[in-house]
């Protein structure tokens, strides 16, 4: 059986977050650990924070390309040292608040 792990970040700067994402990705895909598991994993990153998960349309290939990024050991290899821009989401929290207020009203 194959399971998908989707990683979403939803706030501003967070020291250590890139390292944590790298660890989750490498651990999920580690071939040495795979022999002891009954499942395999695919890891993806959801781009633009909460906006990405709210606006992605799984049936629309363009939407998936824009908001879902495949993660593997090579992609996250240097994230703990140099960072990465895939998670850019600053300024999205006011948008989320407006969406929530619109739904409540």
C-alpha atoms as a PDB file:
ATOM      1  CA  UNK A   1       0.000   0.000   0.000  1.00  0.00           C
ATOM      2  CA  UNK A   2       1.211   3.539  -0.774  1.00  0.00           C
ATOM      3  CA  UNK A   3       0.375   6.577   1.368  1.00  0.00           C
ATOM      4  CA  UNK A   4       0.912  10.234   0.557  1.00  0.00           C
ATOM      5  CA  UNK A   5       2.340  12.638   3.117  1.00  0.00           C
ATOM      6  CA  UNK A   6       1.439  16.274   2.393  1.00  0.00           C
ATOM      7  CA  UNK A   7       3.454  18.944   4.197  1.00  0.00           C
ATOM      8  CA  UNK A   8       1.880  22.361   4.747  1.00  0.00           C
ATOM      9  CA  UNK A   9       3.429  25.336   6.524  1.00  0.00           C
ATOM     10  CA  UNK A  10       1.088  28.056   7.634  1.00  0.00           C
ATOM     11  CA  UNK A  11       2.951  30.878   9.332  1.00  0.00           C
ATOM     12  CA  UNK A  12       5.941  33.183   9.146  1.00  0.00           C
ATOM     13  CA  UNK A  13       9.583  32.355   9.646  1.00  0.00           C
ATOM     14  CA  UNK A  14      10.244  29.339  11.851  1.00  0.00           C
ATOM     15  CA  UNK A  15      13.827  28.329  12.667  1.00  0.00           C
ATOM     16  CA  UNK A  16      14.337  24.633  12.074  1.00  0.00           C
ATOM     17  CA  UNK A  17      11.282  24.107   9.882  1.00  0.00           C
ATOM     18  CA  UNK A  18      13.274  23.325   6.725  1.00  0.00           C
ATOM     19  CA  UNK A  19      15.309  20.794   8.688  1.00  0.00           C
ATOM     20  CA  UNK A  20      12.122  19.169   9.984  1.00  0.00           C
ATOM     21  CA  UNK A  21      10.669  18.958   6.459  1.00  0.00           C
ATOM     22  CA  UNK A  22      13.936  17.411   5.254  1.00  0.00           C
ATOM     23  CA  UNK A  23      13.853  14.851   8.091  1.00  0.00           C
ATOM     24  CA  UNK A  24      10.233  13.839   7.397  1.00  0.00           C
ATOM     25  CA  UNK A  25      10.952  13.477   3.674  1.00  0.00           C
ATOM     26  CA  UNK A  26      14.166  11.493   4.093  1.00  0.00           C
ATOM     27  CA  UNK A  27      12.673   9.252   6.794  1.00  0.00           C
ATOM     28  CA  UNK A  28       9.556   8.511   4.762  1.00  0.00           C
ATOM     29  CA  UNK A  29      11.594   7.609   1.667  1.00  0.00           C
ATOM     30  CA  UNK A  30      14.554   5.836   3.343  1.00  0.00           C
ATOM     31  CA  UNK A  31      15.081   2.576   1.463  1.00  0.00           C
ATOM     32  CA  UNK A  32      16.717   0.952   4.511  1.00  0.00           C
ATOM     33  CA  UNK A  33      13.562   1.497   6.564  1.00  0.00           C
ATOM     34  CA  UNK A  34      11.207   0.498   3.737  1.00  0.00           C
ATOM     35  CA  UNK A  35      11.987  -3.193   4.222  1.00  0.00           C
ATOM     36  CA  UNK A  36      10.453  -3.044   7.713  1.00  0.00           C
ATOM     37  CA  UNK A  37       7.258  -1.238   6.681  1.00  0.00           C
ATOM     38  CA  UNK A  38       4.001  -2.522   5.302  1.00  0.00           C
ATOM     39  CA  UNK A  39       3.440   0.763   3.419  1.00  0.00           C
ATOM     40  CA  UNK A  40       5.488   2.995   1.142  1.00  0.00           C
ATOM     41  CA  UNK A  41       5.271   6.765   1.045  1.00  0.00           C
ATOM     42  CA  UNK A  42       5.145   9.646  -1.387  1.00  0.00           C
ATOM     43  CA  UNK A  43       5.913  13.112   0.015  1.00  0.00           C
ATOM     44  CA  UNK A  44       4.563  16.377  -1.389  1.00  0.00           C
ATOM     45  CA  UNK A  45       4.743  19.988  -0.285  1.00  0.00           C
ATOM     46  CA  UNK A  46       1.706  22.254  -0.471  1.00  0.00           C
ATOM     47  CA  UNK A  47       2.844  25.628  -1.787  1.00  0.00           C
ATOM     48  CA  UNK A  48       1.649  29.038  -0.526  1.00  0.00           C
ATOM     49  CA  UNK A  49       0.480  27.796   2.850  1.00  0.00           C
ATOM     50  CA  UNK A  50      -3.237  27.569   3.508  1.00  0.00           C
ATOM     51  CA  UNK A  51      -3.987  29.283   0.196  1.00  0.00           C
ATOM     52  CA  UNK A  52      -2.441  26.293  -1.566  1.00  0.00           C
ATOM     53  CA  UNK A  53      -4.604  23.725   0.152  1.00  0.00           C
ATOM     54  CA  UNK A  54      -7.760  25.813  -0.255  1.00  0.00           C
ATOM     55  CA  UNK A  55      -7.251  26.610  -3.930  1.00  0.00           C
ATOM     56  CA  UNK A  56      -5.757  23.401  -5.310  1.00  0.00           C
ATOM     57  CA  UNK A  57      -8.120  21.468  -7.559  1.00  0.00           C
ATOM     58  CA  UNK A  58      -7.029  17.808  -7.753  1.00  0.00           C
ATOM     59  CA  UNK A  59      -8.878  17.434 -11.070  1.00  0.00           C
ATOM     60  CA  UNK A  60      -7.007  20.360 -12.693  1.00  0.00           C
ATOM     61  CA  UNK A  61      -3.426  19.551 -13.737  1.00  0.00           C
ATOM     62  CA  UNK A  62      -2.384  23.249 -13.826  1.00  0.00           C
ATOM     63  CA  UNK A  63      -3.654  23.732 -10.302  1.00  0.00           C
ATOM     64  CA  UNK A  64      -1.751  20.672  -9.085  1.00  0.00           C
ATOM     65  CA  UNK A  65       1.468  21.842 -10.745  1.00  0.00           C
ATOM     66  CA  UNK A  66       1.098  25.272  -9.132  1.00  0.00           C
ATOM     67  CA  UNK A  67       0.270  24.169  -5.585  1.00  0.00           C
ATOM     68  CA  UNK A  68       1.731  20.666  -5.137  1.00  0.00           C
ATOM     69  CA  UNK A  69       5.481  20.002  -5.309  1.00  0.00           C
ATOM     70  CA  UNK A  70       6.966  16.512  -5.244  1.00  0.00           C
ATOM     71  CA  UNK A  71       9.585  16.145  -2.495  1.00  0.00           C
ATOM     72  CA  UNK A  72      12.367  13.575  -2.446  1.00  0.00           C
ATOM     73  CA  UNK A  73      15.841  13.261  -0.950  1.00  0.00           C
ATOM     74  CA  UNK A  74      17.441  15.252  -3.762  1.00  0.00           C
ATOM     75  CA  UNK A  75      14.941  18.118  -3.574  1.00  0.00           C
ATOM     76  CA  UNK A  76      15.371  18.608   0.208  1.00  0.00           C
ATOM     77  CA  UNK A  77      19.084  17.757   0.340  1.00  0.00           C
ATOM     78  CA  UNK A  78      20.323  21.250   1.281  1.00  0.00           C
ATOM     79  CA  UNK A  79      17.203  22.753   2.881  1.00  0.00           C
ATOM     80  CA  UNK A  80      18.613  22.636   6.404  1.00  0.00           C
ATOM     81  CA  UNK A  81      21.637  24.696   5.283  1.00  0.00           C
ATOM     82  CA  UNK A  82      20.351  27.029   2.588  1.00  0.00           C
ATOM     83  CA  UNK A  83      16.567  27.127   2.959  1.00  0.00           C
ATOM     84  CA  UNK A  84      14.028  26.996   0.169  1.00  0.00           C
ATOM     85  CA  UNK A  85      11.406  29.320  -1.328  1.00  0.00           C
ATOM     86  CA  UNK A  86       8.765  26.673  -2.132  1.00  0.00           C
ATOM     87  CA  UNK A  87       6.895  27.520   1.064  1.00  0.00           C
ATOM     88  CA  UNK A  88       6.412  31.230   0.309  1.00  0.00           C
ATOM     89  CA  UNK A  89       3.143  32.245   1.905  1.00  0.00           C
ATOM     90  CA  UNK A  90       3.628  35.613   3.589  1.00  0.00           C
ATOM     91  CA  UNK A  91       0.545  37.772   3.435  1.00  0.00           C
ATOM     92  CA  UNK A  92      -1.857  34.857   3.091  1.00  0.00           C
ATOM     93  CA  UNK A  93      -3.224  34.959   6.641  1.00  0.00           C
ATOM     94  CA  UNK A  94      -5.419  38.053   5.960  1.00  0.00           C
ATOM     95  CA  UNK A  95      -6.774  36.249   2.880  1.00  0.00           C
ATOM     96  CA  UNK A  96      -7.668  33.211   4.979  1.00  0.00           C
ATOM     97  CA  UNK A  97      -9.388  35.418   7.572  1.00  0.00           C
ATOM     98  CA  UNK A  98     -11.474  37.066   4.839  1.00  0.00           C
ATOM     99  CA  UNK A  99     -12.463  33.653   3.495  1.00  0.00           C
ATOM    100  CA  UNK A 100     -13.490  32.442   6.957  1.00  0.00           C
ATOM    101  CA  UNK A 101     -15.508  35.600   7.677  1.00  0.00           C
ATOM    102  CA  UNK A 102     -17.230  35.302   4.302  1.00  0.00           C
ATOM    103  CA  UNK A 103     -18.235  31.712   5.093  1.00  0.00           C
ATOM    104  CA  UNK A 104     -19.464  32.570   8.595  1.00  0.00           C
ATOM    105  CA  UNK A 105     -21.599  35.473   7.397  1.00  0.00           C
END
